Amino acid sequence: MLINGRCHCGNISFQLAWTPEPSEIPARACTCSFCTKHGGVWTSCPTGTLKVVVRDPSLVSRYAFGTGTAQFHICSRCGTVPLVTSNIEDRLYAVVSVNAFEDLDPSLLRRSAATFDAESESDRLSRRKRNWIADVEYVENGN
């Protein structure tokens, strides 16, 4: 299944190839203070591929807090946070916001809360390596 998503203005867009075809898509509402304030609900497909295209990189702000091991990509034009990345052992991993999806049947989403406050940094990075999208292409100045 090919899932398209983007920020509100379209400056940051992504295409997630979800393989194999999902019968449902986990949608994790993170309970950290940033995600709570921004309505962050994330998903990933460890066996999928993700292509991110940023039209104007000068309009993307990256924010990291806590352990500083993840970067929230925020469009400074429209304020949307369509993805989070983490660079682990020279490899880029990502999760995407289900709120940025375009034309996806919402009945596929299985929403649940996710709390990671008690994780150590090494446990957090190990979880991301297992569960986040590991095949990520990030293109800046794209059309």
C-alpha atoms as a PDB file:
ATOM      1  CA  MET A   1       0.000   0.000   0.000  1.00  0.00           C
ATOM      2  CA  LEU A   2       1.289   3.437  -0.907  1.00  0.00           C
ATOM      3  CA  ILE A   3       0.441   6.140   1.648  1.00  0.00           C
ATOM      4  CA  ASN A   4       0.946   9.819   0.811  1.00  0.00           C
ATOM      5  CA  GLY A   5       1.204  12.512   3.428  1.00  0.00           C
ATOM      6  CA  ARG A   6       2.244  16.117   3.766  1.00  0.00           C
ATOM      7  CA  CYS A   7       2.231  19.152   5.969  1.00  0.00           C
ATOM      8  CA  HIS A   8      -0.701  21.518   5.467  1.00  0.00           C
ATOM      9  CA  CYS A   9       1.058  23.755   2.914  1.00  0.00           C
ATOM     10  CA  GLY A  10       2.842  20.897   1.126  1.00  0.00           C
ATOM     11  CA  ASN A  11       6.401  22.021   1.853  1.00  0.00           C
ATOM     12  CA  ILE A  12       7.156  18.660   3.524  1.00  0.00           C
ATOM     13  CA  SER A  13       5.651  15.633   1.827  1.00  0.00           C
ATOM     14  CA  PHE A  14       6.215  11.919   2.134  1.00  0.00           C
ATOM     15  CA  GLN A  15       5.360   8.676   0.445  1.00  0.00           C
ATOM     16  CA  LEU A  16       5.312   5.549   2.612  1.00  0.00           C
ATOM     17  CA  ALA A  17       5.306   2.173   0.889  1.00  0.00           C
ATOM     18  CA  TRP A  18       3.730  -0.096   3.505  1.00  0.00           C
ATOM     19  CA  THR A  19       4.651  -3.717   2.919  1.00  0.00           C
ATOM     20  CA  PRO A  20       3.092  -6.153   3.267  1.00  0.00           C
ATOM     21  CA  GLU A  21      -0.393  -4.700   2.734  1.00  0.00           C
ATOM     22  CA  PRO A  22      -1.762  -3.786   6.188  1.00  0.00           C
ATOM     23  CA  SER A  23      -5.065  -4.978   7.585  1.00  0.00           C
ATOM     24  CA  GLU A  24      -4.682  -2.174  10.130  1.00  0.00           C
ATOM     25  CA  ILE A  25      -2.213   0.612  10.840  1.00  0.00           C
ATOM     26  CA  PRO A  26      -1.064   1.251  14.411  1.00  0.00           C
ATOM     27  CA  ALA A  27      -1.486   4.905  15.381  1.00  0.00           C
ATOM     28  CA  ARG A  28       0.390   5.653  18.585  1.00  0.00           C
ATOM     29  CA  ALA A  29      -0.580   8.827  20.429  1.00  0.00           C
ATOM     30  CA  CYS A  30       2.614   9.647  22.275  1.00  0.00           C
ATOM     31  CA  THR A  31       2.077  11.031  25.773  1.00  0.00           C
ATOM     32  CA  CYS A  32       5.249  13.148  25.928  1.00  0.00           C
ATOM     33  CA  SER A  33       4.701  16.860  26.472  1.00  0.00           C
ATOM     34  CA  PHE A  34       5.634  17.820  22.876  1.00  0.00           C
ATOM     35  CA  CYS A  35       3.323  15.281  21.234  1.00  0.00           C
ATOM     36  CA  THR A  36       0.510  16.050  23.666  1.00  0.00           C
ATOM     37  CA  LYS A  37       0.704  19.764  22.798  1.00  0.00           C
ATOM     38  CA  HIS A  38       0.932  19.057  19.042  1.00  0.00           C
ATOM     39  CA  GLY A  39      -1.507  16.147  18.766  1.00  0.00           C
ATOM     40  CA  GLY A  40       1.287  13.791  17.724  1.00  0.00           C
ATOM     41  CA  VAL A  41      -0.006  10.408  16.556  1.00  0.00           C
ATOM     42  CA  TRP A  42       2.712   8.353  14.891  1.00  0.00           C
ATOM     43  CA  THR A  43       3.085   5.199  12.866  1.00  0.00           C
ATOM     44  CA  SER A  44       5.838   3.250  11.195  1.00  0.00           C
ATOM     45  CA  CYS A  45       6.313   0.188   9.054  1.00  0.00           C
ATOM     46  CA  PRO A  46       9.722  -1.381   9.731  1.00  0.00           C
ATOM     47  CA  THR A  47       9.482  -3.373   6.487  1.00  0.00           C
ATOM     48  CA  GLY A  48       8.390  -0.372   4.410  1.00  0.00           C
ATOM     49  CA  THR A  49      10.181   2.423   2.614  1.00  0.00           C
ATOM     50  CA  LEU A  50       9.778   6.158   3.117  1.00  0.00           C
ATOM     51  CA  LYS A  51      10.611   8.998   0.751  1.00  0.00           C
ATOM     52  CA  VAL A  52      10.473  12.499   2.206  1.00  0.00           C
ATOM     53  CA  VAL A  53      10.612  15.540  -0.061  1.00  0.00           C
ATOM     54  CA  VAL A  54      11.206  19.028   1.309  1.00  0.00           C
ATOM     55  CA  ARG A  55      10.606  21.805  -1.213  1.00  0.00           C
ATOM     56  CA  ASP A  56      12.144  24.628   0.819  1.00  0.00           C
ATOM     57  CA  PRO A  57      14.486  23.450   3.608  1.00  0.00           C
ATOM     58  CA  SER A  58      14.713  27.007   4.988  1.00  0.00           C
ATOM     59  CA  LEU A  59      11.079  26.588   6.071  1.00  0.00           C
ATOM     60  CA  VAL A  60      11.764  23.445   8.124  1.00  0.00           C
ATOM     61  CA  SER A  61      12.604  23.732  11.777  1.00  0.00           C
ATOM     62  CA  ARG A  62      13.974  20.722  13.641  1.00  0.00           C
ATOM     63  CA  TYR A  63      13.300  20.329  17.321  1.00  0.00           C
ATOM     64  CA  ALA A  64      14.876  17.872  19.749  1.00  0.00           C
ATOM     65  CA  PHE A  65      14.359  17.626  23.490  1.00  0.00           C
ATOM     66  CA  GLY A  66      14.869  15.141  26.319  1.00  0.00           C
ATOM     67  CA  THR A  67      17.574  12.712  25.167  1.00  0.00           C
ATOM     68  CA  GLY A  68      18.040  14.736  21.956  1.00  0.00           C
ATOM     69  CA  THR A  69      17.998  11.510  19.927  1.00  0.00           C
ATOM     70  CA  ALA A  70      14.970  12.360  17.771  1.00  0.00           C
ATOM     71  CA  GLN A  71      14.243  15.377  15.607  1.00  0.00           C
ATOM     72  CA  PHE A  72      10.721  16.622  15.020  1.00  0.00           C
ATOM     73  CA  HIS A  73      10.490  18.170  11.533  1.00  0.00           C
ATOM     74  CA  ILE A  74       8.217  21.205  11.772  1.00  0.00           C
ATOM     75  CA  CYS A  75       7.088  23.225   8.790  1.00  0.00           C
ATOM     76  CA  SER A  76       7.574  26.824   9.864  1.00  0.00           C
ATOM     77  CA  ARG A  77       5.111  28.019   7.215  1.00  0.00           C
ATOM     78  CA  CYS A  78       2.065  26.012   8.359  1.00  0.00           C
ATOM     79  CA  GLY A  79       3.169  24.601  11.731  1.00  0.00           C
ATOM     80  CA  THR A  80       2.560  20.929  10.906  1.00  0.00           C
ATOM     81  CA  VAL A  81       4.861  18.182  12.257  1.00  0.00           C
ATOM     82  CA  PRO A  82       4.618  15.402   9.633  1.00  0.00           C
ATOM     83  CA  LEU A  83       7.583  13.278  10.715  1.00  0.00           C
ATOM     84  CA  VAL A  84      10.215  12.494  13.304  1.00  0.00           C
ATOM     85  CA  THR A  85      13.665  11.149  12.489  1.00  0.00           C
ATOM     86  CA  SER A  86      16.418   9.549  14.529  1.00  0.00           C
ATOM     87  CA  ASN A  87      19.964   8.973  13.306  1.00  0.00           C
ATOM     88  CA  ILE A  88      21.189   5.716  14.852  1.00  0.00           C
ATOM     89  CA  GLU A  89      24.606   4.313  13.966  1.00  0.00           C
ATOM     90  CA  ASP A  90      24.741   6.426  10.774  1.00  0.00           C
ATOM     91  CA  ARG A  91      21.317   5.266   9.587  1.00  0.00           C
ATOM     92  CA  LEU A  92      18.226   7.463   9.402  1.00  0.00           C
ATOM     93  CA  TYR A  93      15.048   6.030  10.961  1.00  0.00           C
ATOM     94  CA  ALA A  94      11.629   7.706  10.891  1.00  0.00           C
ATOM     95  CA  VAL A  95       8.018   7.675  12.019  1.00  0.00           C
ATOM     96  CA  VAL A  96       5.281   9.639  10.288  1.00  0.00           C
ATOM     97  CA  SER A  97       2.212  11.425  11.561  1.00  0.00           C
ATOM     98  CA  VAL A  98      -1.087   9.747  10.716  1.00  0.00           C
ATOM     99  CA  ASN A  99      -2.590  13.238  10.906  1.00  0.00           C
ATOM    100  CA  ALA A 100      -0.592  14.133   7.782  1.00  0.00           C
ATOM    101  CA  PHE A 101      -1.994  11.238   5.707  1.00  0.00           C
ATOM    102  CA  GLU A 102      -3.869  12.081   2.530  1.00  0.00           C
ATOM    103  CA  ASP A 103      -6.864  10.031   1.391  1.00  0.00           C
ATOM    104  CA  LEU A 104      -6.429   7.054   3.716  1.00  0.00           C
ATOM    105  CA  ASP A 105      -9.474   5.200   4.989  1.00  0.00           C
ATOM    106  CA  PRO A 106      -9.514   6.169   8.701  1.00  0.00           C
ATOM    107  CA  SER A 107     -11.009   2.789   9.638  1.00  0.00           C
ATOM    108  CA  LEU A 108      -7.537   1.282   9.005  1.00  0.00           C
ATOM    109  CA  LEU A 109      -6.079   3.246  11.934  1.00  0.00           C
ATOM    110  CA  ARG A 110      -5.868   1.488  15.328  1.00  0.00           C
ATOM    111  CA  ARG A 111      -5.276   4.275  17.829  1.00  0.00           C
ATOM    112  CA  SER A 112      -3.629   3.688  21.191  1.00  0.00           C
ATOM    113  CA  ALA A 113      -1.620   5.684  23.724  1.00  0.00           C
ATOM    114  CA  ALA A 114       2.139   5.190  23.908  1.00  0.00           C
ATOM    115  CA  THR A 115       4.321   6.201  26.843  1.00  0.00           C
ATOM    116  CA  PHE A 116       8.097   6.022  26.622  1.00  0.00           C
ATOM    117  CA  ASP A 117       9.063   8.117  29.671  1.00  0.00           C
ATOM    118  CA  ALA A 118      10.589   5.194  31.611  1.00  0.00           C
ATOM    119  CA  GLU A 119      12.877   4.063  28.768  1.00  0.00           C
ATOM    120  CA  SER A 120      16.613   4.457  29.020  1.00  0.00           C
ATOM    121  CA  GLU A 121      18.315   6.060  26.046  1.00  0.00           C
ATOM    122  CA  SER A 122      19.768   2.730  24.883  1.00  0.00           C
ATOM    123  CA  ASP A 123      16.362   1.001  25.193  1.00  0.00           C
ATOM    124  CA  ARG A 124      14.791   3.842  23.225  1.00  0.00           C
ATOM    125  CA  LEU A 125      17.298   3.583  20.396  1.00  0.00           C
ATOM    126  CA  SER A 126      16.928  -0.213  20.294  1.00  0.00           C
ATOM    127  CA  ARG A 127      13.128   0.115  20.068  1.00  0.00           C
ATOM    128  CA  ARG A 128      13.455   2.605  17.224  1.00  0.00           C
ATOM    129  CA  LYS A 129      15.826   0.306  15.326  1.00  0.00           C
ATOM    130  CA  ARG A 130      13.253  -2.505  15.636  1.00  0.00           C
ATOM    131  CA  ASN A 131      10.046  -0.549  15.020  1.00  0.00           C
ATOM    132  CA  TRP A 132      10.733   2.614  13.027  1.00  0.00           C
ATOM    133  CA  ILE A 133      11.047   2.855   9.244  1.00  0.00           C
ATOM    134  CA  ALA A 134      14.673   2.023   8.414  1.00  0.00           C
ATOM    135  CA  ASP A 135      14.627   2.612   4.664  1.00  0.00           C
ATOM    136  CA  VAL A 136      14.376   6.406   4.513  1.00  0.00           C
ATOM    137  CA  GLU A 137      15.235   8.714   1.617  1.00  0.00           C
ATOM    138  CA  TYR A 138      15.258  12.404   2.566  1.00  0.00           C
ATOM    139  CA  VAL A 139      15.364  14.828  -0.379  1.00  0.00           C
ATOM    140  CA  GLU A 140      15.725  18.594   0.050  1.00  0.00           C
ATOM    141  CA  ASN A 141      14.956  21.200  -2.619  1.00  0.00           C
ATOM    142  CA  GLY A 142      12.637  18.721  -4.298  1.00  0.00           C
ATOM    143  CA  ASN A 143       9.627  19.426  -6.490  1.00  0.00           C
END
